[in-house]
Amino acid sequence: MQVSTTISKWYSLLGVGLTLCVVGLLVSAGCQAPPPSPGPACEADADCDDGLFCNGPETCVDGDCQAGEAPCTATTVECSEEANECLRVCLEDVGCDDDNECTDDACVDGVCQNTDNTAVCDDGDACTENDVCTNGECTPGKTGKKRA
């Protein structure tokens, strides 16, 4: 069973403090999400799944499908239906730093990308040396003499 929803987008103009809402062709300032309307009849949450990531998981409440809550709520996040994830939007590389030494952080076409690298790192264990990044994590190198 499919749940029909109204597609809405909220835009926050960074540094201006103004939020714009686009619902269909209507644009207004400082808007809020419309209240959810009851959906089709259901017996379980699975009956309500519309297969879309960006509008959140729908639930069955007292026999009626209820709209889900959008998983991407921060003002610097964009929802990607294709990737089924929330993407951080950016203007430059600096805004994409994920504080992980094992990723290369870049702003590509307005979206942050944090790509795993194979850089030398420090796993925090004084008994290993030549630690290296693997799959986005610092992995221990060979065990050596205890470093001072």
Protein backbone atom coordinates (compact mmCIF):
# COMPACT_ATOMS: atom_id res chain seq x y z
CA MET A 1 0.00 0.00 0.00
CA GLN A 2 1.38 3.40 -0.91
CA VAL A 3 1.04 6.55 1.19
CA SER A 4 0.65 9.73 -0.81
CA THR A 5 2.42 12.76 0.61
CA THR A 6 2.83 16.43 -0.30
CA ILE A 7 6.45 17.15 -1.15
CA SER A 8 7.74 20.16 0.79
CA LYS A 9 11.19 21.70 0.93
CA TRP A 10 12.53 24.11 3.49
CA TYR A 11 15.44 26.36 2.62
CA SER A 12 17.44 28.23 5.21
CA LEU A 13 19.40 31.19 3.94
CA LEU A 14 22.65 30.87 5.87
CA GLY A 15 23.52 33.90 7.94
CA VAL A 16 20.26 35.69 7.16
CA GLY A 17 17.94 33.96 9.62
CA LEU A 18 15.15 33.61 7.07
CA THR A 19 13.55 30.27 6.31
CA LEU A 20 11.65 29.76 3.06
CA CYS A 21 9.18 26.98 2.47
CA VAL A 22 8.21 25.66 -0.95
CA VAL A 23 5.04 23.56 -1.14
CA GLY A 24 4.10 22.91 -4.73
CA LEU A 25 4.31 26.37 -6.32
CA LEU A 26 3.65 28.34 -3.13
CA VAL A 27 6.65 30.04 -1.49
CA SER A 28 6.34 31.66 1.93
CA ALA A 29 8.72 32.94 4.58
CA GLY A 30 8.96 31.38 8.05
CA CYS A 31 6.65 28.47 7.32
CA GLN A 32 6.15 25.28 9.27
CA ALA A 33 5.41 21.77 8.12
CA PRO A 34 1.72 21.09 7.56
CA PRO A 35 0.13 18.71 10.07
CA PRO A 36 0.11 15.09 8.92
CA SER A 37 -3.18 13.89 7.51
CA PRO A 38 -4.43 10.37 8.13
CA GLY A 39 -3.45 7.99 5.40
CA PRO A 40 -4.93 4.75 4.09
CA ALA A 41 -6.09 1.98 6.40
CA CYS A 42 -3.43 -0.42 7.69
CA GLU A 43 -2.74 -3.27 10.08
CA ALA A 44 1.06 -2.92 10.44
CA ASP A 45 3.80 -0.35 9.71
CA ALA A 46 4.84 -2.35 6.62
CA ASP A 47 1.42 -1.61 5.08
CA CYS A 48 2.32 2.10 5.07
CA ASP A 49 5.81 2.04 3.58
CA ASP A 50 5.92 4.26 0.48
CA GLY A 51 9.48 3.22 -0.38
CA LEU A 52 10.87 6.74 -0.01
CA PHE A 53 13.77 7.53 2.34
CA CYS A 54 13.51 11.31 2.48
CA ASN A 55 10.07 11.50 4.04
CA GLY A 56 10.95 9.09 6.87
CA PRO A 57 9.40 5.80 7.92
CA GLU A 58 5.61 5.75 7.91
CA THR A 59 3.79 4.08 10.78
CA CYS A 60 0.43 2.45 11.33
CA VAL A 61 -1.43 4.10 14.23
CA ASP A 62 -4.87 2.90 15.22
CA GLY A 63 -5.48 1.48 11.73
CA ASP A 64 -4.41 4.62 9.81
CA CYS A 65 -1.08 5.22 8.04
CA GLN A 66 0.75 8.21 9.47
CA ALA A 67 3.40 10.17 7.57
CA GLY A 68 6.98 9.74 8.71
CA GLU A 69 9.32 12.47 9.92
CA ALA A 70 12.05 13.60 7.54
CA PRO A 71 15.39 12.07 8.57
CA CYS A 72 17.41 15.10 7.41
CA THR A 73 16.61 18.04 9.63
CA ALA A 74 19.76 20.17 9.96
CA THR A 75 19.93 23.34 7.86
CA THR A 76 23.17 22.16 6.19
CA VAL A 77 21.81 18.74 5.19
CA GLU A 78 20.13 17.68 1.95
CA CYS A 79 18.26 14.42 1.60
CA SER A 80 19.33 12.09 -1.21
CA GLU A 81 16.61 9.69 -2.29
CA GLU A 82 19.07 7.94 -4.65
CA ALA A 83 21.65 7.27 -1.90
CA ASN A 84 19.10 6.80 0.93
CA GLU A 85 21.10 9.14 3.15
CA CYS A 86 21.45 12.69 4.40
CA LEU A 87 24.17 14.65 2.62
CA ARG A 88 25.92 17.68 4.07
CA VAL A 89 25.75 20.62 1.68
CA CYS A 90 28.74 22.96 1.40
CA LEU A 91 30.31 25.88 -0.36
CA GLU A 92 33.96 24.98 0.30
CA ASP A 93 36.11 22.12 1.64
CA VAL A 94 36.43 23.65 5.12
CA GLY A 95 32.78 22.93 5.91
CA CYS A 96 33.25 19.21 5.18
CA ASP A 97 35.82 18.27 7.84
CA ASP A 98 34.51 15.16 9.63
CA ASP A 99 37.40 15.11 12.16
CA ASN A 100 38.55 11.75 10.83
CA GLU A 101 42.20 11.62 9.81
CA CYS A 102 41.41 8.57 7.69
CA THR A 103 39.19 10.44 5.23
CA ASP A 104 39.94 13.09 2.63
CA ASP A 105 37.29 15.78 2.98
CA ALA A 106 36.12 17.79 -0.01
CA CYS A 107 33.18 19.86 -1.23
CA VAL A 108 32.17 18.48 -4.63
CA ASP A 109 29.29 20.11 -6.51
CA GLY A 110 27.92 21.54 -3.26
CA VAL A 111 27.90 18.24 -1.34
CA CYS A 112 30.48 17.10 1.23
CA GLN A 113 32.37 13.95 0.37
CA ASN A 114 34.49 12.14 2.97
CA THR A 115 36.51 9.55 1.07
CA ASP A 116 38.54 6.85 2.84
CA ASN A 117 42.30 7.26 2.47
CA THR A 118 45.40 5.17 3.22
CA ALA A 119 47.33 7.85 5.13
CA VAL A 120 49.75 7.17 7.95
CA CYS A 121 47.97 7.62 11.28
CA ASP A 122 48.39 7.04 15.00
CA ASP A 123 46.09 4.43 16.58
CA GLY A 124 46.94 5.67 20.07
CA ASP A 125 48.76 2.45 21.03
CA ALA A 126 52.39 3.16 21.91
CA CYS A 127 53.24 -0.51 21.22
CA THR A 128 52.43 -0.36 17.49
CA GLU A 129 54.23 1.47 14.74
CA ASN A 130 53.55 2.27 11.10
CA ASP A 131 49.78 2.53 11.69
CA VAL A 132 47.81 3.17 8.51
CA CYS A 133 44.25 4.14 7.57
CA THR A 134 42.08 1.35 6.20
CA ASN A 135 38.36 1.67 5.36
CA GLY A 136 38.12 5.00 7.18
CA GLU A 137 39.73 3.77 10.42
CA CYS A 138 43.26 3.85 11.80
CA THR A 139 44.51 0.27 11.96
CA PRO A 140 47.50 -0.83 14.03
CA GLY A 141 50.78 -1.48 12.30
CA LYS A 142 53.27 -4.03 13.45
CA THR A 143 54.09 -4.42 17.11
CA GLY A 144 57.43 -2.86 17.89
CA LYS A 145 59.40 -1.66 20.84
CA LYS A 146 57.49 0.42 23.31
CA ARG A 147 57.90 4.06 22.36
CA ALA A 148 58.70 6.60 25.00
